[in-house]
């Protein structure tokens, strides 16, 4: 069972979220509710998270939590099972909050959006207590959780970041420093260095953190085909640092690098990519409303292509009572990020935000569900 649980994680590290999802789905199909079914659902939920499909991730996590996993023929245990679900829920809450902000560039003065954010923050806050208890009761946490690539860990290194930055950044900075100096695994130390610098930034030492991140970028040799998540997080951290410094060109360059390495991170990163939008095809009231919703997303829309600006081409085609939308996206350097991604929709609700997600590499259903109006009592 274990290789099929960890294989999707490796695909995620490589930036291949679609392969991660298909591998987990195939494992679930073969397990047929036998031992391993719950673990495979955890793997699938993780794959959905990194692909940007948060609703599917939530449903799959609920399925895993409701399944009574039997730990036979494996070194994995029930506490690890419960902790893996809890940590992914924390990641999910963080991503849901960031996605709400991504879908509404004026979120801070829209009451409905503020209500959604307050509700999610409350849920996240409550869940953090559950996770803290599970963590405190785990006597091996320093080895199988904090040691980012322990062979017995059931969570990915990127997920552990959400735990470290929230609970005690200064403690974890000290711990990362110890790992950097003592861990014999040369290729793993750069991950501890990345965490150290990101935690340093979180605690306010922004200048030192930025210099450390730049040094890490210049001095790191890695497997560029299989460490795309690492690169994405490194570039994201630098993009955030230079956005805070108001160094727009440097920030734009690093945002573009994130897009080229792991575009699905963009909607949850808090950074604003510059995009030149070309909308063509069907031009009626419906498509105009959808484009309006798309332009409400937290993206720096540019009227013309320029240095640091990506290009999105969105084509609408009327097919009876439905619309087919085709999306292509190129980075500022002309690299194809998304090519001819398609889906169908009938109603305005959700279509603009779905286009925004798929511009940055997310996938999903071939047809959006039609919103159902609540029944009158």
Protein backbone atom coordinates (compact mmCIF):
# COMPACT_ATOMS: atom_id res chain seq x y z
CA UNK A 1 0.00 0.00 0.00
CA UNK A 2 2.66 2.53 1.02
CA UNK A 3 4.32 3.10 -2.41
CA UNK A 4 0.94 4.04 -3.89
CA UNK A 5 0.37 6.50 -1.03
CA UNK A 6 3.72 8.25 -1.51
CA UNK A 7 3.87 8.23 -5.32
CA UNK A 8 1.33 11.10 -5.72
CA UNK A 9 3.47 13.16 -3.30
CA UNK A 10 6.46 12.74 -5.62
CA UNK A 11 4.36 13.82 -8.59
CA UNK A 12 3.29 16.91 -6.66
CA UNK A 13 6.93 17.76 -5.90
CA UNK A 14 7.52 17.50 -9.66
CA UNK A 15 4.64 19.89 -10.39
CA UNK A 16 2.61 17.14 -12.08
CA UNK A 17 -0.63 17.43 -10.13
CA UNK A 18 -2.73 15.79 -12.83
CA UNK A 19 -0.59 12.64 -12.69
CA UNK A 20 -0.80 12.74 -8.89
CA UNK A 21 -4.59 12.79 -9.07
CA UNK A 22 -4.86 10.01 -11.65
CA UNK A 23 -2.45 7.78 -9.65
CA UNK A 24 -4.45 8.23 -6.44
CA UNK A 25 -7.76 7.65 -8.24
CA UNK A 26 -6.41 4.44 -9.78
CA UNK A 27 -5.23 3.22 -6.36
CA UNK A 28 -8.68 3.94 -4.87
CA UNK A 29 -10.35 2.05 -7.68
CA UNK A 30 -8.22 -1.02 -7.07
CA UNK A 31 -8.47 -0.90 -3.26
CA UNK A 32 -12.29 -1.18 -3.39
CA UNK A 33 -12.84 -0.07 0.25
CA UNK A 34 -10.17 -2.50 1.50
CA UNK A 35 -7.28 -1.51 3.82
CA UNK A 36 -5.50 1.42 2.17
CA UNK A 37 -8.68 3.02 0.85
CA UNK A 38 -8.49 5.79 3.47
CA UNK A 39 -4.81 6.49 2.84
CA UNK A 40 -5.40 6.70 -0.89
CA UNK A 41 -8.16 9.23 -0.30
CA UNK A 42 -5.73 11.30 1.75
CA UNK A 43 -3.31 11.13 -1.18
CA UNK A 44 -6.06 12.20 -3.57
CA UNK A 45 -7.13 15.08 -1.32
CA UNK A 46 -3.53 16.31 -1.25
CA UNK A 47 -3.38 16.09 -5.05
CA UNK A 48 -6.59 18.11 -5.38
CA UNK A 49 -5.21 20.73 -2.98
CA UNK A 50 -2.08 21.31 -5.03
CA UNK A 51 -4.07 21.33 -8.25
CA UNK A 52 -6.27 24.09 -6.82
CA UNK A 53 -9.50 22.04 -6.63
CA UNK A 54 -10.44 22.92 -3.07
CA UNK A 55 -14.04 21.66 -3.10
CA UNK A 56 -12.91 18.25 -4.31
CA UNK A 57 -10.15 18.24 -1.68
CA UNK A 58 -12.64 18.96 1.09
CA UNK A 59 -15.05 16.23 -0.02
CA UNK A 60 -12.22 13.69 -0.31
CA UNK A 61 -10.80 14.59 3.11
CA UNK A 62 -14.26 14.11 4.63
CA UNK A 63 -14.43 10.70 2.96
CA UNK A 64 -11.05 9.73 4.41
CA UNK A 65 -12.05 10.94 7.87
CA UNK A 66 -15.26 8.90 7.73
CA UNK A 67 -13.52 5.70 6.65
CA UNK A 68 -12.42 3.23 9.32
CA UNK A 69 -8.93 2.44 8.09
CA UNK A 70 -7.41 -0.90 9.12
CA UNK A 71 -3.62 -0.74 9.48
CA UNK A 72 -2.57 -4.21 8.38
CA UNK A 73 0.76 -4.99 6.71
CA UNK A 74 2.00 -1.42 7.12
CA UNK A 75 4.11 0.63 9.51
CA UNK A 76 1.54 3.43 9.38
CA UNK A 77 -0.65 3.98 12.44
CA UNK A 78 -4.01 5.51 13.31
CA UNK A 79 -2.47 8.61 14.98
CA UNK A 80 -0.50 9.24 11.77
CA UNK A 81 -3.69 8.77 9.76
CA UNK A 82 -5.62 11.27 11.91
CA UNK A 83 -2.74 13.76 11.93
CA UNK A 84 -2.35 13.60 8.13
CA UNK A 85 -6.02 14.48 7.70
CA UNK A 86 -5.82 17.27 10.27
CA UNK A 87 -2.75 18.86 8.73
CA UNK A 88 -4.28 18.78 5.25
CA UNK A 89 -7.41 20.44 6.68
CA UNK A 90 -5.21 23.24 8.00
CA UNK A 91 -3.72 23.64 4.53
CA UNK A 92 -7.24 23.61 3.09
CA UNK A 93 -8.44 26.38 5.42
CA UNK A 94 -5.44 28.53 4.52
CA UNK A 95 -6.02 28.00 0.82
CA UNK A 96 -9.74 28.68 1.08
CA UNK A 97 -8.98 32.01 2.75
CA UNK A 98 -6.43 32.95 0.09
CA UNK A 99 -8.79 31.89 -2.69
CA UNK A 100 -11.60 34.12 -1.38
CA UNK A 101 -9.17 37.05 -1.53
CA UNK A 102 -7.99 36.02 -5.00
CA UNK A 103 -11.54 35.99 -6.35
CA UNK A 104 -12.31 39.49 -5.01
CA UNK A 105 -9.67 42.19 -5.42
CA UNK A 106 -11.70 44.52 -3.20
CA UNK A 107 -12.36 41.93 -0.49
CA UNK A 108 -11.55 44.27 2.41
CA UNK A 109 -14.61 46.47 1.80
CA UNK A 110 -17.18 43.93 0.63
CA UNK A 111 -19.35 42.74 3.55
CA UNK A 112 -20.19 39.37 1.97
CA UNK A 113 -16.54 38.57 1.35
CA UNK A 114 -15.54 39.73 4.83
CA UNK A 115 -18.20 37.44 6.30
CA UNK A 116 -16.81 34.46 4.35
CA UNK A 117 -13.31 35.25 5.53
CA UNK A 118 -14.40 35.64 9.16
CA UNK A 119 -16.21 32.31 9.02
CA UNK A 120 -13.18 30.52 7.55
CA UNK A 121 -10.80 32.15 10.02
CA UNK A 122 -13.01 30.98 12.92
CA UNK A 123 -13.06 27.42 11.55
CA UNK A 124 -9.30 27.48 11.07
CA UNK A 125 -8.72 28.81 14.59
CA UNK A 126 -10.84 26.05 16.11
CA UNK A 127 -9.13 23.41 14.01
CA UNK A 128 -5.69 24.61 15.08
CA UNK A 129 -6.51 23.58 18.64
CA UNK A 130 -7.33 20.06 17.45
CA UNK A 131 -4.09 19.88 15.51
CA UNK A 132 -2.05 21.27 18.41
CA UNK A 133 -3.42 18.53 20.68
CA UNK A 134 -2.54 15.81 18.18
CA UNK A 135 0.93 17.29 17.86
CA UNK A 136 1.48 17.50 21.62
CA UNK A 137 0.46 13.85 22.08
CA UNK A 138 2.93 12.65 19.45
CA UNK A 139 6.23 11.82 21.23
CA UNK A 140 8.00 11.33 17.87
CA UNK A 141 7.03 14.68 16.38
CA UNK A 142 10.63 15.95 16.20
CA UNK A 143 11.62 12.98 14.08
CA UNK A 144 8.66 12.11 11.86
CA UNK A 145 7.18 15.61 11.44
CA UNK A 146 9.79 18.33 11.97
CA UNK A 147 12.52 16.33 10.20
CA UNK A 148 11.10 17.18 6.79
CA UNK A 149 12.03 14.02 4.91
CA UNK A 150 11.83 11.31 7.55
CA UNK A 151 11.06 7.98 5.88
CA UNK A 152 8.19 7.32 8.29
CA UNK A 153 6.44 10.66 7.78
CA UNK A 154 3.00 10.65 6.15
CA UNK A 155 2.89 14.38 5.36
CA UNK A 156 4.73 16.45 2.75
CA UNK A 157 7.36 19.02 3.67
CA UNK A 158 5.28 21.84 2.21
CA UNK A 159 2.32 20.98 4.44
CA UNK A 160 4.53 21.16 7.54
CA UNK A 161 5.23 24.81 6.71
CA UNK A 162 1.63 25.74 7.59
CA UNK A 163 2.14 24.22 11.02
CA UNK A 164 5.52 25.84 11.70
CA UNK A 165 4.63 29.39 10.68
CA UNK A 166 1.50 29.35 12.83
CA UNK A 167 2.57 27.82 16.12
CA UNK A 168 6.08 28.97 17.09
CA UNK A 169 8.18 30.45 14.27
CA UNK A 170 11.18 31.29 16.48
CA UNK A 171 11.32 27.77 17.94
CA UNK A 172 11.24 26.27 14.47
CA UNK A 173 13.89 28.72 13.23
CA UNK A 174 16.18 27.38 15.93
CA UNK A 175 15.28 23.81 15.00
CA UNK A 176 15.88 24.44 11.28
CA UNK A 177 19.25 25.97 12.11
CA UNK A 178 20.21 22.79 13.98
CA UNK A 179 19.14 20.61 11.05
CA UNK A 180 21.14 22.76 8.64
CA UNK A 181 24.34 22.31 10.66
CA UNK A 182 23.88 18.63 11.58
CA UNK A 183 21.89 16.86 8.86
CA UNK A 184 24.28 14.77 6.73
CA UNK A 185 21.91 14.75 3.74
CA UNK A 186 23.42 17.46 1.56
CA UNK A 187 20.46 17.65 -0.85
CA UNK A 188 17.98 18.00 2.02
CA UNK A 189 19.70 20.89 3.79
CA UNK A 190 18.44 23.40 1.22
CA UNK A 191 14.87 22.62 2.32
CA UNK A 192 15.77 23.47 5.92
CA UNK A 193 17.45 26.64 4.63
CA UNK A 194 14.30 27.58 2.73
CA UNK A 195 12.18 27.09 5.84
CA UNK A 196 14.65 29.02 8.00
CA UNK A 197 14.60 32.03 5.67
CA UNK A 198 10.84 31.98 5.27
CA UNK A 199 10.39 31.81 9.06
CA UNK A 200 12.91 34.62 9.45
CA UNK A 201 10.79 36.71 7.10
CA UNK A 202 7.65 35.88 9.10
CA UNK A 203 9.30 37.07 12.33
CA UNK A 204 10.19 40.45 10.84
CA UNK A 205 13.85 40.06 9.82
CA UNK A 206 12.92 40.76 6.23
CA UNK A 207 16.26 42.10 4.99
CA UNK A 208 18.26 39.14 6.30
CA UNK A 209 15.61 36.71 5.06
CA UNK A 210 15.63 38.20 1.56
CA UNK A 211 19.41 38.02 1.38
CA UNK A 212 19.27 34.41 2.56
CA UNK A 213 16.69 33.52 -0.08
CA UNK A 214 18.77 35.16 -2.82
CA UNK A 215 21.85 33.28 -1.65
CA UNK A 216 19.88 30.04 -1.64
CA UNK A 217 18.66 30.71 -5.18
CA UNK A 218 22.14 31.47 -6.51
CA UNK A 219 23.93 28.64 -4.75
CA UNK A 220 21.50 25.76 -5.13
CA UNK A 221 21.90 22.99 -7.66
CA UNK A 222 18.85 20.82 -7.81
CA UNK A 223 16.85 18.42 -9.90
CA UNK A 224 14.78 20.99 -11.81
CA UNK A 225 12.47 18.29 -13.19
CA UNK A 226 11.50 16.89 -9.78
CA UNK A 227 11.86 19.82 -7.38
CA UNK A 228 9.42 22.25 -8.96
CA UNK A 229 7.48 22.75 -5.72
CA UNK A 230 10.71 23.75 -3.97
CA UNK A 231 11.50 26.22 -6.76
CA UNK A 232 7.94 27.54 -6.74
CA UNK A 233 8.09 28.25 -3.00
CA UNK A 234 11.53 29.83 -3.28
CA UNK A 235 10.44 32.14 -6.10
CA UNK A 236 7.16 32.89 -4.32
CA UNK A 237 9.04 33.95 -1.19
CA UNK A 238 11.28 36.25 -3.21
CA UNK A 239 8.28 37.68 -5.10
CA UNK A 240 6.62 38.48 -1.77
CA UNK A 241 9.79 40.06 -0.41
CA UNK A 242 10.27 42.36 -3.40
CA UNK A 243 6.55 43.19 -3.57
CA UNK A 244 6.80 44.39 0.03
CA UNK A 245 9.85 46.47 -0.94
CA UNK A 246 7.90 47.91 -3.88
CA UNK A 247 10.55 46.70 -6.31
CA UNK A 248 8.03 45.95 -9.01
CA UNK A 249 10.31 44.60 -11.72
CA UNK A 250 12.07 42.13 -9.45
CA UNK A 251 8.75 41.04 -7.99
CA UNK A 252 7.31 40.58 -11.49
CA UNK A 253 10.30 38.48 -12.55
CA UNK A 254 9.93 36.15 -9.60
CA UNK A 255 6.15 35.90 -10.02
CA UNK A 256 6.79 34.88 -13.60
CA UNK A 257 9.25 32.25 -12.35
CA UNK A 258 6.59 30.85 -10.01
CA UNK A 259 4.22 30.62 -12.95
CA UNK A 260 6.75 28.73 -15.04
CA UNK A 261 7.62 26.25 -12.29
CA UNK A 262 4.35 25.68 -10.39
CA UNK A 263 1.53 27.96 -11.65
CA UNK A 264 -1.11 26.40 -9.35
CA UNK A 265 0.55 28.20 -6.42
CA UNK A 266 -0.31 31.67 -7.77
CA UNK A 267 -3.97 31.98 -6.62
CA UNK A 268 -2.94 31.10 -3.05
CA UNK A 269 0.31 33.06 -2.87
CA UNK A 270 -0.90 36.59 -2.16
CA UNK A 271 1.18 38.00 -5.03
CA UNK A 272 -0.39 39.70 -8.05
CA UNK A 273 0.72 38.53 -11.47
CA UNK A 274 0.51 40.94 -14.42
CA UNK A 275 -1.64 39.50 -17.19
CA UNK A 276 -2.69 40.83 -20.58
CA UNK A 277 -6.14 39.38 -21.32
CA UNK A 278 -7.37 38.67 -24.84
CA UNK A 279 -11.05 37.67 -24.81
CA UNK A 280 -12.54 36.70 -28.15
CA UNK A 281 -15.27 34.61 -29.73
CA UNK A 282 -18.89 34.97 -28.63
CA UNK A 283 -19.58 38.50 -27.46
CA UNK A 284 -22.92 38.85 -25.71
CA UNK A 285 -24.26 39.89 -22.33
CA UNK A 286 -23.34 36.56 -20.70
CA UNK A 287 -19.72 36.57 -21.84
CA UNK A 288 -19.34 40.24 -20.90
CA UNK A 289 -20.54 39.44 -17.36
CA UNK A 290 -18.18 36.48 -17.07
CA UNK A 291 -15.22 38.60 -18.23
CA UNK A 292 -16.27 41.25 -15.70
CA UNK A 293 -16.17 38.60 -12.94
CA UNK A 294 -12.80 37.40 -14.20
CA UNK A 295 -11.40 40.92 -14.05
CA UNK A 296 -12.59 41.21 -10.45
CA UNK A 297 -9.97 38.63 -9.51
CA UNK A 298 -6.84 39.84 -7.74
CA UNK A 299 -4.70 40.06 -10.85
CA UNK A 300 -2.87 43.06 -12.26
CA UNK A 301 -4.63 43.30 -15.62
CA UNK A 302 -2.49 44.99 -18.25
CA UNK A 303 -3.82 46.66 -21.39
CA UNK A 304 -0.80 45.61 -23.43
CA UNK A 305 1.99 43.08 -23.26
CA UNK A 306 5.14 44.41 -21.60
CA UNK A 307 8.14 43.13 -19.65
CA UNK A 308 6.98 40.83 -16.87
CA UNK A 309 3.46 40.49 -18.29
CA UNK A 310 1.90 37.14 -19.13
CA UNK A 311 -0.74 36.69 -21.81
CA UNK A 312 -4.04 34.89 -21.40
CA UNK A 313 -6.28 34.08 -24.37
CA UNK A 314 -9.87 33.22 -23.48
CA UNK A 315 -12.20 32.16 -26.28
CA UNK A 316 -15.97 31.84 -25.85
CA UNK A 317 -18.11 29.72 -28.12
CA UNK A 318 -21.89 29.48 -27.94
CA UNK A 319 -23.14 25.86 -28.13
CA UNK A 320 -26.92 25.87 -27.83
CA UNK A 321 -27.85 26.96 -24.32
CA UNK A 322 -24.27 26.41 -23.16
CA UNK A 323 -20.96 28.20 -23.61
CA UNK A 324 -17.64 26.52 -24.22
CA UNK A 325 -14.61 28.43 -22.99
CA UNK A 326 -11.07 27.64 -24.15
CA UNK A 327 -8.14 29.02 -22.15
CA UNK A 328 -4.47 29.37 -23.06
CA UNK A 329 -1.80 31.09 -20.98
CA UNK A 330 1.79 32.03 -21.77
CA UNK A 331 4.32 33.34 -19.29
CA UNK A 332 6.10 36.66 -19.74
CA UNK A 333 8.92 34.73 -21.41
CA UNK A 334 6.52 33.10 -23.86
CA UNK A 335 6.51 29.70 -22.15
CA UNK A 336 3.20 27.84 -22.51
CA UNK A 337 1.62 27.42 -19.08
CA UNK A 338 -1.87 26.30 -20.15
CA UNK A 339 -2.91 25.29 -23.64
CA UNK A 340 -6.50 24.88 -24.82
CA UNK A 341 -7.99 24.10 -21.40
CA UNK A 342 -11.77 23.73 -21.93
CA UNK A 343 -14.95 23.61 -19.92
CA UNK A 344 -18.66 24.32 -20.43
CA UNK A 345 -20.95 26.58 -18.43
CA UNK A 346 -24.57 27.68 -18.56
CA UNK A 347 -24.77 30.34 -15.85
CA UNK A 348 -22.63 33.29 -14.94
CA UNK A 349 -22.10 32.19 -11.33
CA UNK A 350 -18.61 30.80 -10.85
CA UNK A 351 -17.56 30.89 -14.51
CA UNK A 352 -15.23 33.89 -14.19
CA UNK A 353 -13.46 32.53 -11.12
CA UNK A 354 -13.15 29.11 -12.78
CA UNK A 355 -11.43 30.71 -15.76
CA UNK A 356 -9.03 32.46 -13.37
CA UNK A 357 -8.11 29.17 -11.68
CA UNK A 358 -7.56 27.35 -14.96
CA UNK A 359 -5.39 30.16 -16.27
CA UNK A 360 -2.91 29.10 -13.60
CA UNK A 361 -2.91 25.38 -14.28
CA UNK A 362 -5.81 24.13 -12.20
CA UNK A 363 -8.03 21.47 -13.77
CA UNK A 364 -11.57 20.37 -12.98
CA UNK A 365 -14.87 19.15 -14.34
CA UNK A 366 -15.60 19.45 -18.05
CA UNK A 367 -18.83 21.27 -17.21
CA UNK A 368 -19.61 23.58 -14.30
CA UNK A 369 -22.57 22.58 -12.18
CA UNK A 370 -25.58 24.84 -12.54
CA UNK A 371 -26.21 26.64 -9.24
CA UNK A 372 -29.42 25.41 -7.59
CA UNK A 373 -31.62 28.01 -5.97
CA UNK A 374 -32.60 27.24 -2.36
CA UNK A 375 -36.10 25.91 -1.88
CA UNK A 376 -38.70 28.23 -0.43
CA UNK A 377 -40.02 27.13 2.93
